PDB file of all heavy atoms in Angstrom:
ATOM      1  N   MET A   1    -108.687 -62.846 -33.505  1.00  0.00           N
ATOM      2  CA  MET A   1    -109.085 -61.501 -33.109  1.00  0.00           C
ATOM      3  C   MET A   1    -109.782 -61.506 -31.749  1.00  0.00           C
ATOM      4  O   MET A   1    -109.528 -60.632 -30.906  1.00  0.00           O
ATOM      5  CB  MET A   1    -109.995 -60.886 -34.157  1.00  0.00           C
ATOM      6  CG  MET A   1    -110.347 -59.430 -33.872  1.00  0.00           C
ATOM      7  SD  MET A   1    -109.054 -58.304 -34.378  1.00  0.00           S
ATOM      8  CE  MET A   1    -109.509 -58.092 -36.100  1.00  0.00           C
ATOM      9  N   LEU A   2    -110.665 -62.469 -31.520  1.00  0.00           N
ATOM     10  CA  LEU A   2    -111.348 -62.556 -30.237  1.00  0.00           C
ATOM     11  C   LEU A   2    -110.343 -62.721 -29.104  1.00  0.00           C
ATOM     12  O   LEU A   2    -110.442 -62.045 -28.058  1.00  0.00           O
ATOM     13  CB  LEU A   2    -112.329 -63.732 -30.235  1.00  0.00           C
ATOM     14  CG  LEU A   2    -113.560 -63.600 -31.132  1.00  0.00           C
ATOM     15  CD1 LEU A   2    -114.303 -64.929 -31.200  1.00  0.00           C
ATOM     16  CD2 LEU A   2    -114.494 -62.504 -30.621  1.00  0.00           C
ATOM     17  N   PHE A   3    -109.373 -63.601 -29.293  1.00  0.00           N
ATOM     18  CA  PHE A   3    -108.366 -63.835 -28.265  1.00  0.00           C
ATOM     19  C   PHE A   3    -107.512 -62.590 -28.043  1.00  0.00           C
ATOM     20  O   PHE A   3    -107.273 -62.186 -26.903  1.00  0.00           O
ATOM     21  CB  PHE A   3    -107.460 -65.002 -28.668  1.00  0.00           C
ATOM     22  CG  PHE A   3    -108.106 -66.356 -28.580  1.00  0.00           C
ATOM     23  CD1 PHE A   3    -107.446 -67.485 -29.065  1.00  0.00           C
ATOM     24  CD2 PHE A   3    -109.362 -66.531 -28.027  1.00  0.00           C
ATOM     25  CE1 PHE A   3    -108.022 -68.737 -28.993  1.00  0.00           C
ATOM     26  CE2 PHE A   3    -109.958 -67.784 -27.944  1.00  0.00           C
ATOM     27  CZ  PHE A   3    -109.283 -68.887 -28.430  1.00  0.00           C
ATOM     28  N   ALA A   4    -107.031 -61.991 -29.134  1.00  0.00           N
ATOM     29  CA  ALA A   4    -106.132 -60.842 -29.004  1.00  0.00           C
ATOM     30  C   ALA A   4    -106.808 -59.681 -28.292  1.00  0.00           C
ATOM     31  O   ALA A   4    -106.229 -59.056 -27.392  1.00  0.00           O
ATOM     32  CB  ALA A   4    -105.635 -60.409 -30.387  1.00  0.00           C
ATOM     33  N   ARG A   5    -108.030 -59.387 -28.672  1.00  0.00           N
ATOM     34  CA  ARG A   5    -108.729 -58.262 -28.055  1.00  0.00           C
ATOM     35  C   ARG A   5    -108.984 -58.511 -26.572  1.00  0.00           C
ATOM     36  O   ARG A   5    -108.858 -57.603 -25.743  1.00  0.00           O
ATOM     37  CB  ARG A   5    -110.030 -57.987 -28.800  1.00  0.00           C
ATOM     38  CG  ARG A   5    -109.816 -57.480 -30.218  1.00  0.00           C
ATOM     39  CD  ARG A   5    -111.105 -57.150 -30.927  1.00  0.00           C
ATOM     40  NE  ARG A   5    -111.806 -56.031 -30.322  1.00  0.00           N
ATOM     41  CZ  ARG A   5    -112.895 -55.479 -30.818  1.00  0.00           C
ATOM     42  NH1 ARG A   5    -113.417 -55.957 -31.941  1.00  0.00           N
ATOM     43  NH2 ARG A   5    -113.474 -54.462 -30.226  1.00  0.00           N
ATOM     44  N   ALA A   6    -109.337 -59.749 -26.238  1.00  0.00           N
ATOM     45  CA  ALA A   6    -109.579 -60.078 -24.828  1.00  0.00           C
ATOM     46  C   ALA A   6    -108.289 -60.012 -24.015  1.00  0.00           C
ATOM     47  O   ALA A   6    -108.273 -59.471 -22.902  1.00  0.00           O
ATOM     48  CB  ALA A   6    -110.206 -61.460 -24.723  1.00  0.00           C
ATOM     49  N   ILE A   7    -107.214 -60.549 -24.571  1.00  0.00           N
ATOM     50  CA  ILE A   7    -105.926 -60.523 -23.858  1.00  0.00           C
ATOM     51  C   ILE A   7    -105.487 -59.085 -23.608  1.00  0.00           C
ATOM     52  O   ILE A   7    -105.050 -58.722 -22.500  1.00  0.00           O
ATOM     53  CB  ILE A   7    -104.860 -61.297 -24.654  1.00  0.00           C
ATOM     54  CG1 ILE A   7    -105.179 -62.794 -24.655  1.00  0.00           C
ATOM     55  CG2 ILE A   7    -103.466 -61.060 -24.088  1.00  0.00           C
ATOM     56  CD1 ILE A   7    -104.329 -63.624 -25.607  1.00  0.00           C
ATOM     57  N   LEU A   8    -105.598 -58.243 -24.617  1.00  0.00           N
ATOM     58  CA  LEU A   8    -105.190 -56.842 -24.469  1.00  0.00           C
ATOM     59  C   LEU A   8    -106.059 -56.101 -23.461  1.00  0.00           C
ATOM     60  O   LEU A   8    -105.599 -55.161 -22.798  1.00  0.00           O
ATOM     61  CB  LEU A   8    -105.239 -56.138 -25.827  1.00  0.00           C
ATOM     62  CG  LEU A   8    -104.181 -56.587 -26.845  1.00  0.00           C
ATOM     63  CD1 LEU A   8    -104.473 -55.987 -28.219  1.00  0.00           C
ATOM     64  CD2 LEU A   8    -102.784 -56.198 -26.374  1.00  0.00           C
ATOM     65  N   ALA A   9    -107.319 -56.523 -23.335  1.00  0.00           N
ATOM     66  CA  ALA A   9    -108.237 -55.869 -22.398  1.00  0.00           C
ATOM     67  C   ALA A   9    -108.206 -56.507 -21.011  1.00  0.00           C
ATOM     68  O   ALA A   9    -108.913 -56.049 -20.098  1.00  0.00           O
ATOM     69  CB  ALA A   9    -109.659 -55.916 -22.956  1.00  0.00           C
ATOM     70  N   GLY A  10    -107.407 -57.574 -20.856  1.00  0.00           N
ATOM     71  CA  GLY A  10    -107.355 -58.258 -19.570  1.00  0.00           C
ATOM     72  C   GLY A  10    -108.594 -59.069 -19.268  1.00  0.00           C
ATOM     73  O   GLY A  10    -108.889 -59.371 -18.099  1.00  0.00           O
ATOM     74  N   GLU A  11    -109.330 -59.446 -20.296  1.00  0.00           N
ATOM     75  CA  GLU A  11    -110.559 -60.209 -20.126  1.00  0.00           C
ATOM     76  C   GLU A  11    -110.309 -61.684 -20.434  1.00  0.00           C
ATOM     77  O   GLU A  11    -109.376 -62.021 -21.174  1.00  0.00           O
ATOM     78  CB  GLU A  11    -111.643 -59.658 -21.058  1.00  0.00           C
ATOM     79  CG  GLU A  11    -111.997 -58.196 -20.773  1.00  0.00           C
ATOM     80  CD  GLU A  11    -112.913 -57.609 -21.839  1.00  0.00           C
ATOM     81  OE1 GLU A  11    -113.128 -58.306 -22.863  1.00  0.00           O
ATOM     82  OE2 GLU A  11    -113.378 -56.473 -21.666  1.00  0.00           O
ATOM     83  N   PRO A  12    -111.137 -62.592 -19.905  1.00  0.00           N
ATOM     84  CA  PRO A  12    -110.933 -64.022 -20.164  1.00  0.00           C
ATOM     85  C   PRO A  12    -111.244 -64.392 -21.606  1.00  0.00           C
ATOM     86  O   PRO A  12    -112.080 -63.757 -22.254  1.00  0.00           O
ATOM     87  CB  PRO A  12    -111.905 -64.710 -19.203  1.00  0.00           C
ATOM     88  CG  PRO A  12    -112.944 -63.680 -18.901  1.00  0.00           C
ATOM     89  CD  PRO A  12    -112.247 -62.349 -18.957  1.00  0.00           C
ATOM     90  N   ILE A  13    -110.557 -65.393 -22.114  1.00  0.00           N
ATOM     91  CA  ILE A  13    -110.845 -65.936 -23.441  1.00  0.00           C
ATOM     92  C   ILE A  13    -111.530 -67.284 -23.265  1.00  0.00           C
ATOM     93  O   ILE A  13    -111.239 -68.033 -22.333  1.00  0.00           O
ATOM     94  CB  ILE A  13    -109.569 -66.081 -24.305  1.00  0.00           C
ATOM     95  CG1 ILE A  13    -108.587 -67.075 -23.673  1.00  0.00           C
ATOM     96  CG2 ILE A  13    -108.904 -64.734 -24.512  1.00  0.00           C
ATOM     97  CD1 ILE A  13    -107.390 -67.385 -24.556  1.00  0.00           C
ATOM     98  N   ARG A  14    -112.467 -67.576 -24.158  1.00  0.00           N
ATOM     99  CA  ARG A  14    -113.199 -68.842 -24.101  1.00  0.00           C
ATOM    100  C   ARG A  14    -112.414 -69.898 -24.881  1.00  0.00           C
ATOM    101  O   ARG A  14    -112.176 -69.740 -26.085  1.00  0.00           O
ATOM    102  CB  ARG A  14    -114.593 -68.660 -24.692  1.00  0.00           C
ATOM    103  CG  ARG A  14    -115.408 -67.594 -23.995  1.00  0.00           C
ATOM    104  CD  ARG A  14    -116.709 -67.327 -24.757  1.00  0.00           C
ATOM    105  NE  ARG A  14    -117.634 -68.457 -24.636  1.00  0.00           N
ATOM    106  CZ  ARG A  14    -118.737 -68.582 -25.390  1.00  0.00           C
ATOM    107  NH1 ARG A  14    -119.012 -67.696 -26.333  1.00  0.00           N
ATOM    108  NH2 ARG A  14    -119.542 -69.611 -25.204  1.00  0.00           N
ATOM    109  N   VAL A  15    -112.012 -70.948 -24.177  1.00  0.00           N
ATOM    110  CA  VAL A  15    -111.220 -72.020 -24.781  1.00  0.00           C
ATOM    111  C   VAL A  15    -112.076 -73.283 -24.784  1.00  0.00           C
ATOM    112  O   VAL A  15    -112.354 -73.866 -23.737  1.00  0.00           O
ATOM    113  CB  VAL A  15    -109.915 -72.250 -24.000  1.00  0.00           C
ATOM    114  CG1 VAL A  15    -109.072 -73.325 -24.689  1.00  0.00           C
ATOM    115  CG2 VAL A  15    -109.130 -70.946 -23.880  1.00  0.00           C
ATOM    116  N   PHE A  16    -112.488 -73.707 -25.966  1.00  0.00           N
ATOM    117  CA  PHE A  16    -113.425 -74.816 -26.078  1.00  0.00           C
ATOM    118  C   PHE A  16    -112.713 -76.166 -26.057  1.00  0.00           C
ATOM    119  O   PHE A  16    -111.546 -76.284 -26.450  1.00  0.00           O
ATOM    120  CB  PHE A  16    -114.263 -74.671 -27.349  1.00  0.00           C
ATOM    121  CG  PHE A  16    -115.128 -73.438 -27.357  1.00  0.00           C
ATOM    122  CD1 PHE A  16    -114.832 -72.359 -28.180  1.00  0.00           C
ATOM    123  CD2 PHE A  16    -116.220 -73.338 -26.502  1.00  0.00           C
ATOM    124  CE1 PHE A  16    -115.625 -71.218 -28.175  1.00  0.00           C
ATOM    125  CE2 PHE A  16    -117.016 -72.206 -26.484  1.00  0.00           C
ATOM    126  CZ  PHE A  16    -116.715 -71.139 -27.324  1.00  0.00           C
ATOM    127  N   ASN A  17    -113.445 -77.167 -25.596  1.00  0.00           N
ATOM    128  CA  ASN A  17    -112.964 -78.548 -25.549  1.00  0.00           C
ATOM    129  C   ASN A  17    -111.667 -78.668 -24.748  1.00  0.00           C
ATOM    130  O   ASN A  17    -110.781 -79.462 -25.085  1.00  0.00           O
ATOM    131  CB  ASN A  17    -112.770 -79.094 -26.961  1.00  0.00           C
ATOM    132  CG  ASN A  17    -112.690 -80.615 -26.995  1.00  0.00           C
ATOM    133  OD1 ASN A  17    -113.384 -81.288 -26.239  1.00  0.00           O
ATOM    134  ND2 ASN A  17    -111.843 -81.144 -27.862  1.00  0.00           N
ATOM    135  N   GLY A  18    -111.529 -77.847 -23.720  1.00  0.00           N
ATOM    136  CA  GLY A  18    -110.336 -77.893 -22.892  1.00  0.00           C
ATOM    137  C   GLY A  18    -109.066 -77.528 -23.623  1.00  0.00           C
ATOM    138  O   GLY A  18    -107.962 -77.841 -23.179  1.00  0.00           O
ATOM    139  N   GLY A  19    -109.214 -76.851 -24.759  1.00  0.00           N
ATOM    140  CA  GLY A  19    -108.049 -76.500 -25.564  1.00  0.00           C
ATOM    141  C   GLY A  19    -107.541 -77.647 -26.420  1.00  0.00           C
ATOM    142  O   GLY A  19    -106.548 -77.503 -27.141  1.00  0.00           O
ATOM    143  N   GLN A  20    -108.221 -78.797 -26.363  1.00  0.00           N
ATOM    144  CA  GLN A  20    -107.779 -79.978 -27.112  1.00  0.00           C
ATOM    145  C   GLN A  20    -108.341 -79.960 -28.531  1.00  0.00           C
ATOM    146  O   GLN A  20    -109.000 -80.892 -28.987  1.00  0.00           O
ATOM    147  CB  GLN A  20    -108.193 -81.251 -26.377  1.00  0.00           C
ATOM    148  CG  GLN A  20    -107.696 -81.331 -24.954  1.00  0.00           C
ATOM    149  CD  GLN A  20    -106.185 -81.210 -24.859  1.00  0.00           C
ATOM    150  OE1 GLN A  20    -105.449 -81.981 -25.482  1.00  0.00           O
ATOM    151  NE2 GLN A  20    -105.716 -80.249 -24.088  1.00  0.00           N
ATOM    152  N   MET A  21    -108.080 -78.875 -29.213  1.00  0.00           N
ATOM    153  CA  MET A  21    -108.468 -78.716 -30.616  1.00  0.00           C
ATOM    154  C   MET A  21    -107.187 -78.449 -31.408  1.00  0.00           C
ATOM    155  O   MET A  21    -106.255 -77.814 -30.908  1.00  0.00           O
ATOM    156  CB  MET A  21    -109.419 -77.523 -30.774  1.00  0.00           C
ATOM    157  CG  MET A  21    -110.525 -77.450 -29.753  1.00  0.00           C
ATOM    158  SD  MET A  21    -112.011 -78.256 -30.296  1.00  0.00           S
ATOM    159  CE  MET A  21    -112.718 -76.989 -31.311  1.00  0.00           C
ATOM    160  N   ARG A  22    -107.166 -78.913 -32.631  1.00  0.00           N
ATOM    161  CA  ARG A  22    -106.023 -78.649 -33.512  1.00  0.00           C
ATOM    162  C   ARG A  22    -106.545 -78.009 -34.791  1.00  0.00           C
ATOM    163  O   ARG A  22    -107.510 -78.493 -35.381  1.00  0.00           O
ATOM    164  CB  ARG A  22    -105.256 -79.930 -33.829  1.00  0.00           C
ATOM    165  CG  ARG A  22    -104.585 -80.550 -32.607  1.00  0.00           C
ATOM    166  CD  ARG A  22    -103.898 -81.867 -32.949  1.00  0.00           C
ATOM    167  NE  ARG A  22    -102.757 -81.669 -33.830  1.00  0.00           N
ATOM    168  CZ  ARG A  22    -101.545 -81.334 -33.418  1.00  0.00           C
ATOM    169  NH1 ARG A  22    -101.309 -81.126 -32.133  1.00  0.00           N
ATOM    170  NH2 ARG A  22    -100.556 -81.193 -34.282  1.00  0.00           N
ATOM    171  N   ARG A  23    -105.887 -76.928 -35.182  1.00  0.00           N
ATOM    172  CA  ARG A  23    -106.292 -76.222 -36.391  1.00  0.00           C
ATOM    173  C   ARG A  23    -105.085 -75.965 -37.286  1.00  0.00           C
ATOM    174  O   ARG A  23    -103.978 -75.711 -36.812  1.00  0.00           O
ATOM    175  CB  ARG A  23    -106.952 -74.871 -36.040  1.00  0.00           C
ATOM    176  CG  ARG A  23    -108.332 -74.984 -35.393  1.00  0.00           C
ATOM    177  CD  ARG A  23    -109.354 -75.470 -36.386  1.00  0.00           C
ATOM    178  NE  ARG A  23    -110.697 -75.550 -35.805  1.00  0.00           N
ATOM    179  CZ  ARG A  23    -111.174 -76.626 -35.194  1.00  0.00           C
ATOM    180  NH1 ARG A  23    -110.419 -77.718 -35.066  1.00  0.00           N
ATOM    181  NH2 ARG A  23    -112.405 -76.626 -34.704  1.00  0.00           N
ATOM    182  N   ASP A  24    -105.360 -75.989 -38.578  1.00  0.00           N
ATOM    183  CA  ASP A  24    -104.326 -75.708 -39.575  1.00  0.00           C
ATOM    184  C   ASP A  24    -104.375 -74.214 -39.881  1.00  0.00           C
ATOM    185  O   ASP A  24    -104.909 -73.786 -40.909  1.00  0.00           O
ATOM    186  CB  ASP A  24    -104.601 -76.543 -40.825  1.00  0.00           C
ATOM    187  CG  ASP A  24    -103.338 -76.776 -41.637  1.00  0.00           C
ATOM    188  OD1 ASP A  24    -102.375 -76.011 -41.458  1.00  0.00           O
ATOM    189  OD2 ASP A  24    -103.319 -77.716 -42.443  1.00  0.00           O
ATOM    190  N   PHE A  25    -103.848 -73.396 -38.971  1.00  0.00           N
ATOM    191  CA  PHE A  25    -103.884 -71.947 -39.110  1.00  0.00           C
ATOM    192  C   PHE A  25    -103.050 -71.520 -40.321  1.00  0.00           C
ATOM    193  O   PHE A  25    -101.874 -71.875 -40.439  1.00  0.00           O
ATOM    194  CB  PHE A  25    -103.343 -71.271 -37.852  1.00  0.00           C
ATOM    195  CG  PHE A  25    -104.219 -71.454 -36.646  1.00  0.00           C
ATOM    196  CD1 PHE A  25    -103.928 -72.424 -35.698  1.00  0.00           C
ATOM    197  CD2 PHE A  25    -105.335 -70.654 -36.456  1.00  0.00           C
ATOM    198  CE1 PHE A  25    -104.733 -72.593 -34.580  1.00  0.00           C
ATOM    199  CE2 PHE A  25    -106.147 -70.821 -35.339  1.00  0.00           C
ATOM    200  CZ  PHE A  25    -105.849 -71.791 -34.398  1.00  0.00           C
ATOM    201  N   THR A  26    -103.660 -70.727 -41.213  1.00  0.00           N
ATOM    202  CA  THR A  26    -103.031 -70.353 -42.479  1.00  0.00           C
ATOM    203  C   THR A  26    -102.980 -68.843 -42.609  1.00  0.00           C
ATOM    204  O   THR A  26    -104.011 -68.161 -42.519  1.00  0.00           O
ATOM    205  CB  THR A  26    -103.797 -70.958 -43.667  1.00  0.00           C
ATOM    206  OG1 THR A  26    -104.029 -72.350 -43.416  1.00  0.00           O
ATOM    207  CG2 THR A  26    -103.017 -70.793 -44.956  1.00  0.00           C
ATOM    208  N   TYR A  27    -101.793 -68.308 -42.825  1.00  0.00           N
ATOM    209  CA  TYR A  27    -101.600 -66.860 -42.865  1.00  0.00           C
ATOM    210  C   TYR A  27    -102.194 -66.270 -44.144  1.00  0.00           C
ATOM    211  O   TYR A  27    -102.126 -66.881 -45.215  1.00  0.00           O
ATOM    212  CB  TYR A  27    -100.111 -66.527 -42.773  1.00  0.00           C
ATOM    213  CG  TYR A  27     -99.832 -65.058 -42.572  1.00  0.00           C
ATOM    214  CD1 TYR A  27    -100.262 -64.395 -41.423  1.00  0.00           C
ATOM    215  CD2 TYR A  27     -99.145 -64.327 -43.539  1.00  0.00           C
ATOM    216  CE1 TYR A  27    -100.009 -63.047 -41.233  1.00  0.00           C
ATOM    217  CE2 TYR A  27     -98.882 -62.983 -43.349  1.00  0.00           C
ATOM    218  CZ  TYR A  27     -99.325 -62.348 -42.197  1.00  0.00           C
ATOM    219  OH  TYR A  27     -99.079 -60.999 -42.014  1.00  0.00           O
ATOM    220  N   ILE A  28    -102.764 -65.095 -44.032  1.00  0.00           N
ATOM    221  CA  ILE A  28    -103.511 -64.471 -45.126  1.00  0.00           C
ATOM    222  C   ILE A  28    -102.692 -64.342 -46.410  1.00  0.00           C
ATOM    223  O   ILE A  28    -103.215 -64.564 -47.502  1.00  0.00           O
ATOM    224  CB  ILE A  28    -104.074 -63.090 -44.697  1.00  0.00           C
ATOM    225  CG1 ILE A  28    -104.906 -62.457 -45.803  1.00  0.00           C
ATOM    226  CG2 ILE A  28    -102.972 -62.182 -44.205  1.00  0.00           C
ATOM    227  CD1 ILE A  28    -106.124 -63.231 -46.216  1.00  0.00           C
TER     228      ILE A  28
END
């Protein structure tokens, strides 16, 4: 949600650890 709202508003998104993170994203 943080990323989507920022992208839609043209604002920067905070990407931690240089983006070198891996997550097991699981759909609701």
